[in-house]
Amino acid sequence: MKLIVTFSRKAGRNPIIAQVVKDTGVLINVERALIDSSEGEAMIDIPDEACALVKRRLSELGASVRVLEDVLDLDLDRCIDCGACISICPQEVFVFDNDWKLVVRGEKCVLCGRCIEICPQRALSQKGD
């Protein structure tokens, strides 16, 4: 399961993700992170069964957490199955099925936005946008 973790550096420079791994024993894969001197945001991937435990511990350490599910919208009326998104995606989110129709495996997405920018038909968007 993917989570977006947002935290402020004002409370200190403590390594909260490392602390959560230590406290819970859950291995966390950091898929993307943007951190500056005042705040940070990280996308992490954790086992589904550990979600409640990890969310609770991150919150206790002062972070806000939101679960990512089905992060991409594909407008099937606009998509022409050209494969531009396949060629640009670093996470292999997109594949063709046996009928050469585009399949989106949203659980692999790290929200880099490359596919949205390159889609010539504007058939892709981030959910919530």
C-alpha atoms as a PDB file:
ATOM      1  CA  MET A   1       0.000   0.000   0.000  1.00  0.00           C
ATOM      2  CA  LYS A   2       1.248   3.467  -0.820  1.00  0.00           C
ATOM      3  CA  LEU A   3       1.114   6.346   1.633  1.00  0.00           C
ATOM      4  CA  ILE A   4       1.941  10.022   1.282  1.00  0.00           C
ATOM      5  CA  VAL A   5       3.666  11.245   4.440  1.00  0.00           C
ATOM      6  CA  THR A   6       3.943  14.992   5.046  1.00  0.00           C
ATOM      7  CA  PHE A   7       5.932  16.418   7.929  1.00  0.00           C
ATOM      8  CA  SER A   8       7.363  19.667   9.231  1.00  0.00           C
ATOM      9  CA  ARG A   9      11.052  20.014   9.992  1.00  0.00           C
ATOM     10  CA  LYS A  10      10.283  22.709  12.596  1.00  0.00           C
ATOM     11  CA  ALA A  11       9.855  20.084  15.283  1.00  0.00           C
ATOM     12  CA  GLY A  12      13.367  18.819  14.646  1.00  0.00           C
ATOM     13  CA  ARG A  13      15.425  16.889  12.183  1.00  0.00           C
ATOM     14  CA  ASN A  14      14.519  13.473  13.515  1.00  0.00           C
ATOM     15  CA  PRO A  15      14.482  10.645  10.962  1.00  0.00           C
ATOM     16  CA  ILE A  16      10.823   9.727  11.412  1.00  0.00           C
ATOM     17  CA  ILE A  17      10.679   7.034   8.742  1.00  0.00           C
ATOM     18  CA  ALA A  18      13.698   5.299  10.250  1.00  0.00           C
ATOM     19  CA  GLN A  19      12.079   5.635  13.680  1.00  0.00           C
ATOM     20  CA  VAL A  20       8.882   3.995  12.408  1.00  0.00           C
ATOM     21  CA  VAL A  21      10.864   1.084  10.939  1.00  0.00           C
ATOM     22  CA  LYS A  22      12.673   0.663  14.255  1.00  0.00           C
ATOM     23  CA  ASP A  23       9.509   0.916  16.373  1.00  0.00           C
ATOM     24  CA  THR A  24       7.230  -1.262  14.245  1.00  0.00           C
ATOM     25  CA  GLY A  25       9.613  -3.658  12.525  1.00  0.00           C
ATOM     26  CA  VAL A  26       7.852  -2.896   9.226  1.00  0.00           C
ATOM     27  CA  LEU A  27      10.162  -2.434   6.257  1.00  0.00           C
ATOM     28  CA  ILE A  28       9.326   0.755   4.366  1.00  0.00           C
ATOM     29  CA  ASN A  29      10.218   1.393   0.752  1.00  0.00           C
ATOM     30  CA  VAL A  30      10.614   5.123   0.042  1.00  0.00           C
ATOM     31  CA  GLU A  31       9.550   5.561  -3.580  1.00  0.00           C
ATOM     32  CA  ARG A  32       9.779   9.341  -3.809  1.00  0.00           C
ATOM     33  CA  ALA A  33      10.750  12.116  -1.422  1.00  0.00           C
ATOM     34  CA  LEU A  34      10.979  15.905  -1.510  1.00  0.00           C
ATOM     35  CA  ILE A  35      12.527  17.369   1.607  1.00  0.00           C
ATOM     36  CA  ASP A  36      13.850  20.868   2.238  1.00  0.00           C
ATOM     37  CA  SER A  37      14.868  22.788   5.348  1.00  0.00           C
ATOM     38  CA  SER A  38      11.304  23.405   6.559  1.00  0.00           C
ATOM     39  CA  GLU A  39       9.150  20.481   5.420  1.00  0.00           C
ATOM     40  CA  GLY A  40       9.065  17.202   3.621  1.00  0.00           C
ATOM     41  CA  GLU A  41       6.833  14.831   1.721  1.00  0.00           C
ATOM     42  CA  ALA A  42       7.553  11.196   0.979  1.00  0.00           C
ATOM     43  CA  MET A  43       5.698   8.487  -0.853  1.00  0.00           C
ATOM     44  CA  ILE A  44       6.251   5.191   0.891  1.00  0.00           C
ATOM     45  CA  ASP A  45       5.204   1.650   0.083  1.00  0.00           C
ATOM     46  CA  ILE A  46       4.366  -0.734   2.921  1.00  0.00           C
ATOM     47  CA  PRO A  47       2.671  -4.116   3.242  1.00  0.00           C
ATOM     48  CA  ASP A  48      -1.126  -3.721   3.291  1.00  0.00           C
ATOM     49  CA  GLU A  49      -1.465  -5.510   6.616  1.00  0.00           C
ATOM     50  CA  ALA A  50       0.867  -2.996   8.309  1.00  0.00           C
ATOM     51  CA  CYS A  51      -0.989   0.110   7.160  1.00  0.00           C
ATOM     52  CA  ALA A  52      -2.852   0.902  10.390  1.00  0.00           C
ATOM     53  CA  LEU A  53       0.243   0.355  12.540  1.00  0.00           C
ATOM     54  CA  VAL A  54       2.525   2.501  10.347  1.00  0.00           C
ATOM     55  CA  LYS A  55      -0.071   5.277   9.968  1.00  0.00           C
ATOM     56  CA  ARG A  56      -0.603   5.416  13.729  1.00  0.00           C
ATOM     57  CA  ARG A  57       3.128   5.596  14.496  1.00  0.00           C
ATOM     58  CA  LEU A  58       3.776   8.264  11.846  1.00  0.00           C
ATOM     59  CA  SER A  59       0.922  10.346  13.275  1.00  0.00           C
ATOM     60  CA  GLU A  60       2.333   9.974  16.783  1.00  0.00           C
ATOM     61  CA  LEU A  61       5.616  11.376  15.456  1.00  0.00           C
ATOM     62  CA  GLY A  62       3.823  14.434  14.025  1.00  0.00           C
ATOM     63  CA  ALA A  63       3.398  13.498  10.375  1.00  0.00           C
ATOM     64  CA  SER A  64       0.193  13.629   8.386  1.00  0.00           C
ATOM     65  CA  VAL A  65      -0.562  10.537   6.343  1.00  0.00           C
ATOM     66  CA  ARG A  66      -2.900   9.781   3.471  1.00  0.00           C
ATOM     67  CA  VAL A  67      -3.441   6.504   1.670  1.00  0.00           C
ATOM     68  CA  LEU A  68      -3.061   6.440  -2.111  1.00  0.00           C
ATOM     69  CA  GLU A  69      -5.436   4.213  -4.008  1.00  0.00           C
ATOM     70  CA  ASP A  70      -6.093   4.276  -7.752  1.00  0.00           C
ATOM     71  CA  VAL A  71      -4.089   7.454  -8.263  1.00  0.00           C
ATOM     72  CA  LEU A  72      -4.526   7.697 -12.042  1.00  0.00           C
ATOM     73  CA  ASP A  73      -7.619   8.283 -14.137  1.00  0.00           C
ATOM     74  CA  LEU A  74      -7.621   6.986 -17.695  1.00  0.00           C
ATOM     75  CA  ASP A  75     -10.308   8.483 -19.921  1.00  0.00           C
ATOM     76  CA  LEU A  76     -11.147   5.534 -22.170  1.00  0.00           C
ATOM     77  CA  ASP A  77     -13.029   7.820 -24.573  1.00  0.00           C
ATOM     78  CA  ARG A  78      -9.855   9.811 -25.220  1.00  0.00           C
ATOM     79  CA  CYS A  79      -7.210   7.066 -25.059  1.00  0.00           C
ATOM     80  CA  ILE A  80      -6.111   5.738 -28.451  1.00  0.00           C
ATOM     81  CA  ASP A  81      -3.767   3.073 -27.009  1.00  0.00           C
ATOM     82  CA  CYS A  82      -0.724   4.757 -28.558  1.00  0.00           C
ATOM     83  CA  GLY A  83       1.676   3.627 -25.827  1.00  0.00           C
ATOM     84  CA  ALA A  84       3.375   6.989 -25.244  1.00  0.00           C
ATOM     85  CA  CYS A  85       2.821   6.501 -21.517  1.00  0.00           C
ATOM     86  CA  ILE A  86       4.494   3.089 -21.649  1.00  0.00           C
ATOM     87  CA  SER A  87       7.655   4.552 -23.102  1.00  0.00           C
ATOM     88  CA  ILE A  88       8.018   7.319 -20.488  1.00  0.00           C
ATOM     89  CA  CYS A  89       6.932   5.567 -17.286  1.00  0.00           C
ATOM     90  CA  PRO A  90       9.849   4.663 -14.976  1.00  0.00           C
ATOM     91  CA  GLN A  91       7.680   2.285 -12.906  1.00  0.00           C
ATOM     92  CA  GLU A  92       6.108   0.156 -15.666  1.00  0.00           C
ATOM     93  CA  VAL A  93       2.611   1.264 -14.651  1.00  0.00           C
ATOM     94  CA  PHE A  94       1.294   0.819 -18.201  1.00  0.00           C
ATOM     95  CA  VAL A  95       1.186  -2.318 -20.340  1.00  0.00           C
ATOM     96  CA  PHE A  96      -0.770  -3.598 -23.305  1.00  0.00           C
ATOM     97  CA  ASP A  97      -3.091  -6.549 -22.828  1.00  0.00           C
ATOM     98  CA  ASN A  98      -3.417  -9.352 -25.394  1.00  0.00           C
ATOM     99  CA  ASP A  99      -5.824  -7.210 -27.455  1.00  0.00           C
ATOM    100  CA  TRP A 100      -3.366  -4.270 -27.532  1.00  0.00           C
ATOM    101  CA  LYS A 101      -5.508  -2.221 -25.142  1.00  0.00           C
ATOM    102  CA  LEU A 102      -3.788  -0.123 -22.527  1.00  0.00           C
ATOM    103  CA  VAL A 103      -3.867  -1.446 -18.958  1.00  0.00           C
ATOM    104  CA  VAL A 104      -3.060   0.796 -15.986  1.00  0.00           C
ATOM    105  CA  ARG A 105      -1.487  -0.838 -12.935  1.00  0.00           C
ATOM    106  CA  GLY A 106      -2.014   2.090 -10.569  1.00  0.00           C
ATOM    107  CA  GLU A 107      -0.506   0.339  -7.576  1.00  0.00           C
ATOM    108  CA  LYS A 108       2.923   0.803  -9.189  1.00  0.00           C
ATOM    109  CA  CYS A 109       2.506   4.572  -9.739  1.00  0.00           C
ATOM    110  CA  VAL A 110       4.749   6.999  -7.845  1.00  0.00           C
ATOM    111  CA  LEU A 111       2.999  10.156  -9.134  1.00  0.00           C
ATOM    112  CA  CYS A 112       5.930  11.456 -11.155  1.00  0.00           C
ATOM    113  CA  GLY A 113       3.478  12.937 -13.675  1.00  0.00           C
ATOM    114  CA  ARG A 114       5.494  12.063 -16.780  1.00  0.00           C
ATOM    115  CA  CYS A 115       2.649  10.093 -18.346  1.00  0.00           C
ATOM    116  CA  ILE A 116       0.173  12.912 -17.825  1.00  0.00           C
ATOM    117  CA  GLU A 117       2.497  15.408 -19.494  1.00  0.00           C
ATOM    118  CA  ILE A 118       3.320  13.213 -22.504  1.00  0.00           C
ATOM    119  CA  CYS A 119      -0.148  11.852 -23.325  1.00  0.00           C
ATOM    120  CA  PRO A 120      -1.027  13.348 -26.729  1.00  0.00           C
ATOM    121  CA  GLN A 121      -4.749  12.770 -26.156  1.00  0.00           C
ATOM    122  CA  ARG A 122      -4.809  14.174 -22.599  1.00  0.00           C
ATOM    123  CA  ALA A 123      -6.413  10.888 -21.545  1.00  0.00           C
ATOM    124  CA  LEU A 124      -4.497  10.628 -18.246  1.00  0.00           C
ATOM    125  CA  SER A 125      -4.958  12.676 -15.102  1.00  0.00           C
ATOM    126  CA  GLN A 126      -4.232  12.360 -11.420  1.00  0.00           C
ATOM    127  CA  LYS A 127      -7.316  11.498  -9.408  1.00  0.00           C
ATOM    128  CA  GLY A 128      -8.547  14.502  -7.510  1.00  0.00           C
ATOM    129  CA  ASP A 129      -7.244  16.998 -10.090  1.00  0.00           C
END
